[in-house]
Amino acid sequence: MSDGRIIDTSAAAKALGVTPRTIQRWAEAGHLRGWQVAKRGQWRFDASAVLAKRDGSNKSATSDTSDATPVDR
């Protein structure tokens, strides 16, 4: 569930201990849910999704993977 706080790429990077470029790559790849704003394509993120990623709960941090193909190991 969202708490309504919106953060930018720099704040997300600081919370997760990675670079802002890593956050952008994760967002572009769908590993971290966010949306682009403005003409320059700046990213914004729901703070609860970033915290979920940090805490290891990818349910609210990533897009739905219900159609993902299982991998046999």
N, C-alpha and C. Protein backbone atom coordinates (compact mmCIF):
# COMPACT_ATOMS: atom_id res chain seq x y z
N MET A 1 0.84 -1.17 0.00
CA MET A 1 0.00 0.00 0.00
C MET A 1 0.89 1.24 0.00
N SER A 2 0.50 2.23 -0.73
CA SER A 2 1.25 3.47 -0.84
C SER A 2 0.95 4.39 0.32
N ASP A 3 2.01 5.05 0.83
CA ASP A 3 1.79 6.05 1.87
C ASP A 3 1.69 7.45 1.26
N GLY A 4 1.81 7.54 -0.06
CA GLY A 4 1.63 8.80 -0.76
C GLY A 4 2.87 9.64 -0.92
N ARG A 5 3.98 9.27 -0.32
CA ARG A 5 5.20 10.06 -0.47
C ARG A 5 5.87 9.74 -1.80
N ILE A 6 6.26 10.80 -2.50
CA ILE A 6 6.92 10.67 -3.79
C ILE A 6 8.36 11.14 -3.63
N ILE A 7 9.31 10.37 -4.15
CA ILE A 7 10.71 10.75 -4.07
C ILE A 7 11.34 10.73 -5.45
N ASP A 8 12.46 11.45 -5.57
CA ASP A 8 13.16 11.51 -6.86
C ASP A 8 14.25 10.45 -6.94
N THR A 9 14.94 10.43 -8.05
CA THR A 9 15.97 9.43 -8.29
C THR A 9 17.09 9.48 -7.25
N SER A 10 17.52 10.68 -6.91
CA SER A 10 18.61 10.83 -5.93
C SER A 10 18.22 10.27 -4.57
N ALA A 11 17.01 10.56 -4.12
CA ALA A 11 16.55 10.06 -2.83
C ALA A 11 16.41 8.54 -2.85
N ALA A 12 15.91 8.00 -3.97
CA ALA A 12 15.79 6.54 -4.09
C ALA A 12 17.17 5.89 -4.07
N ALA A 13 18.13 6.49 -4.76
CA ALA A 13 19.49 5.97 -4.79
C ALA A 13 20.11 5.97 -3.40
N LYS A 14 19.92 7.05 -2.68
CA LYS A 14 20.46 7.14 -1.32
C LYS A 14 19.83 6.08 -0.41
N ALA A 15 18.53 5.89 -0.52
CA ALA A 15 17.83 4.91 0.31
C ALA A 15 18.29 3.48 0.03
N LEU A 16 18.66 3.22 -1.23
CA LEU A 16 19.04 1.86 -1.62
C LEU A 16 20.56 1.66 -1.68
N GLY A 17 21.33 2.72 -1.48
CA GLY A 17 22.79 2.58 -1.47
C GLY A 17 23.39 2.32 -2.83
N VAL A 18 22.77 2.87 -3.87
CA VAL A 18 23.28 2.71 -5.23
C VAL A 18 23.35 4.09 -5.89
N THR A 19 23.84 4.13 -7.12
CA THR A 19 23.93 5.40 -7.83
C THR A 19 22.58 5.76 -8.45
N PRO A 20 22.37 7.05 -8.72
CA PRO A 20 21.14 7.45 -9.42
C PRO A 20 20.99 6.75 -10.78
N ARG A 21 22.09 6.52 -11.47
CA ARG A 21 22.00 5.84 -12.77
C ARG A 21 21.49 4.40 -12.59
N THR A 22 21.88 3.74 -11.53
CA THR A 22 21.38 2.39 -11.26
C THR A 22 19.87 2.43 -11.06
N ILE A 23 19.39 3.43 -10.32
CA ILE A 23 17.95 3.57 -10.12
C ILE A 23 17.24 3.75 -11.46
N GLN A 24 17.79 4.58 -12.33
CA GLN A 24 17.20 4.80 -13.66
C GLN A 24 17.16 3.50 -14.45
N ARG A 25 18.24 2.75 -14.40
CA ARG A 25 18.28 1.47 -15.13
C ARG A 25 17.24 0.50 -14.58
N TRP A 26 17.14 0.42 -13.26
CA TRP A 26 16.13 -0.47 -12.66
C TRP A 26 14.73 -0.05 -13.08
N ALA A 27 14.47 1.24 -13.09
CA ALA A 27 13.14 1.73 -13.49
C ALA A 27 12.87 1.40 -14.96
N GLU A 28 13.85 1.65 -15.81
CA GLU A 28 13.69 1.36 -17.24
C GLU A 28 13.48 -0.13 -17.51
N ALA A 29 14.10 -0.97 -16.69
CA ALA A 29 13.98 -2.42 -16.85
C ALA A 29 12.75 -2.99 -16.14
N GLY A 30 12.06 -2.16 -15.36
CA GLY A 30 10.87 -2.64 -14.66
C GLY A 30 11.17 -3.28 -13.31
N HIS A 31 12.39 -3.12 -12.80
CA HIS A 31 12.75 -3.70 -11.51
C HIS A 31 12.35 -2.81 -10.34
N LEU A 32 12.04 -1.56 -10.65
CA LEU A 32 11.59 -0.61 -9.63
C LEU A 32 10.50 0.24 -10.27
N ARG A 33 9.32 0.20 -9.70
CA ARG A 33 8.19 0.92 -10.27
C ARG A 33 8.34 2.42 -10.07
N GLY A 34 8.22 3.15 -11.16
CA GLY A 34 8.30 4.59 -11.12
C GLY A 34 7.68 5.18 -12.38
N TRP A 35 7.73 6.48 -12.52
CA TRP A 35 7.20 7.12 -13.72
C TRP A 35 8.07 8.32 -14.06
N GLN A 36 8.10 8.63 -15.33
CA GLN A 36 8.90 9.76 -15.78
C GLN A 36 8.05 11.02 -15.84
N VAL A 37 8.66 12.14 -15.46
CA VAL A 37 8.00 13.43 -15.48
C VAL A 37 8.86 14.42 -16.25
N ALA A 38 8.25 15.47 -16.70
CA ALA A 38 8.94 16.57 -17.38
C ALA A 38 9.55 16.13 -18.71
N LYS A 39 9.95 17.10 -19.47
CA LYS A 39 10.53 16.84 -20.78
C LYS A 39 11.87 16.15 -20.70
N ARG A 40 12.59 16.36 -19.61
CA ARG A 40 13.91 15.76 -19.46
C ARG A 40 13.85 14.31 -19.02
N GLY A 41 12.67 13.79 -18.74
CA GLY A 41 12.51 12.38 -18.38
C GLY A 41 12.94 12.05 -16.97
N GLN A 42 12.84 12.99 -16.07
CA GLN A 42 13.20 12.72 -14.67
C GLN A 42 12.24 11.69 -14.10
N TRP A 43 12.77 10.84 -13.22
CA TRP A 43 11.98 9.77 -12.62
C TRP A 43 11.48 10.17 -11.24
N ARG A 44 10.30 9.67 -10.90
CA ARG A 44 9.74 9.79 -9.56
C ARG A 44 9.30 8.40 -9.11
N PHE A 45 9.36 8.19 -7.81
CA PHE A 45 9.06 6.87 -7.24
C PHE A 45 8.19 7.01 -6.01
N ASP A 46 7.34 6.03 -5.81
CA ASP A 46 6.56 5.94 -4.59
C ASP A 46 7.54 5.47 -3.50
N ALA A 47 7.65 6.23 -2.43
CA ALA A 47 8.61 5.89 -1.37
C ALA A 47 8.40 4.49 -0.83
N SER A 48 7.15 4.04 -0.75
CA SER A 48 6.90 2.70 -0.21
C SER A 48 7.46 1.62 -1.12
N ALA A 49 7.47 1.85 -2.44
CA ALA A 49 8.05 0.87 -3.37
C ALA A 49 9.57 0.80 -3.19
N VAL A 50 10.19 1.95 -2.97
CA VAL A 50 11.64 1.98 -2.75
C VAL A 50 11.98 1.27 -1.44
N LEU A 51 11.22 1.54 -0.40
CA LEU A 51 11.47 0.89 0.89
C LEU A 51 11.24 -0.61 0.80
N ALA A 52 10.25 -1.02 0.03
CA ALA A 52 10.00 -2.46 -0.15
C ALA A 52 11.18 -3.11 -0.85
N LYS A 53 11.73 -2.44 -1.85
CA LYS A 53 12.91 -2.97 -2.55
C LYS A 53 14.08 -3.07 -1.58
N ARG A 54 14.26 -2.04 -0.77
CA ARG A 54 15.35 -2.05 0.20
C ARG A 54 15.20 -3.19 1.20
N ASP A 55 13.96 -3.44 1.62
CA ASP A 55 13.70 -4.47 2.62
C ASP A 55 13.55 -5.87 2.03
N GLY A 56 13.67 -5.98 0.71
CA GLY A 56 13.63 -7.28 0.07
C GLY A 56 12.25 -7.76 -0.33
N SER A 57 11.24 -6.96 -0.14
CA SER A 57 9.88 -7.32 -0.55
C SER A 57 9.60 -6.70 -1.90
N ASN A 58 9.74 -7.48 -2.96
CA ASN A 58 9.58 -6.95 -4.30
C ASN A 58 8.13 -6.88 -4.75
N LYS A 59 7.19 -7.27 -3.91
CA LYS A 59 5.79 -7.26 -4.33
C LYS A 59 5.32 -5.87 -4.72
N SER A 60 5.65 -4.84 -3.95
CA SER A 60 5.20 -3.50 -4.31
C SER A 60 6.29 -2.71 -5.02
N ALA A 61 7.47 -3.25 -5.15
CA ALA A 61 8.56 -2.52 -5.79
C ALA A 61 8.65 -2.76 -7.28
N THR A 62 8.13 -3.90 -7.75
CA THR A 62 8.27 -4.23 -9.15
C THR A 62 6.90 -4.42 -9.79
N SER A 63 6.92 -4.50 -11.09
CA SER A 63 5.67 -4.75 -11.80
C SER A 63 5.23 -6.19 -11.60
N ASP A 64 4.01 -6.47 -11.94
CA ASP A 64 3.43 -7.80 -11.77
C ASP A 64 4.21 -8.81 -12.58
N THR A 65 4.61 -9.93 -11.96
CA THR A 65 5.35 -10.97 -12.65
C THR A 65 4.53 -12.25 -12.72
N SER A 66 3.20 -12.13 -12.65
CA SER A 66 2.37 -13.32 -12.65
C SER A 66 2.47 -14.10 -13.95
N ASP A 67 2.92 -13.45 -15.03
CA ASP A 67 3.07 -14.17 -16.29
C ASP A 67 4.50 -14.61 -16.54
N ALA A 68 5.35 -14.53 -15.50
CA ALA A 68 6.74 -14.93 -15.65
C ALA A 68 6.85 -16.44 -15.81
N THR A 69 7.80 -16.86 -16.60
CA THR A 69 8.02 -18.28 -16.84
C THR A 69 8.93 -18.83 -15.75
N PRO A 70 8.52 -19.91 -15.07
CA PRO A 70 9.36 -20.50 -14.04
C PRO A 70 10.64 -21.08 -14.65
N VAL A 71 11.71 -21.08 -13.88
CA VAL A 71 13.00 -21.61 -14.32
C VAL A 71 13.26 -22.89 -13.56
N ASP A 72 13.56 -23.97 -14.29
CA ASP A 72 13.91 -25.24 -13.65
C ASP A 72 15.39 -25.20 -13.29
N ARG A 73 15.70 -25.65 -12.08
CA ARG A 73 17.11 -25.69 -11.65
C ARG A 73 17.48 -27.06 -11.20
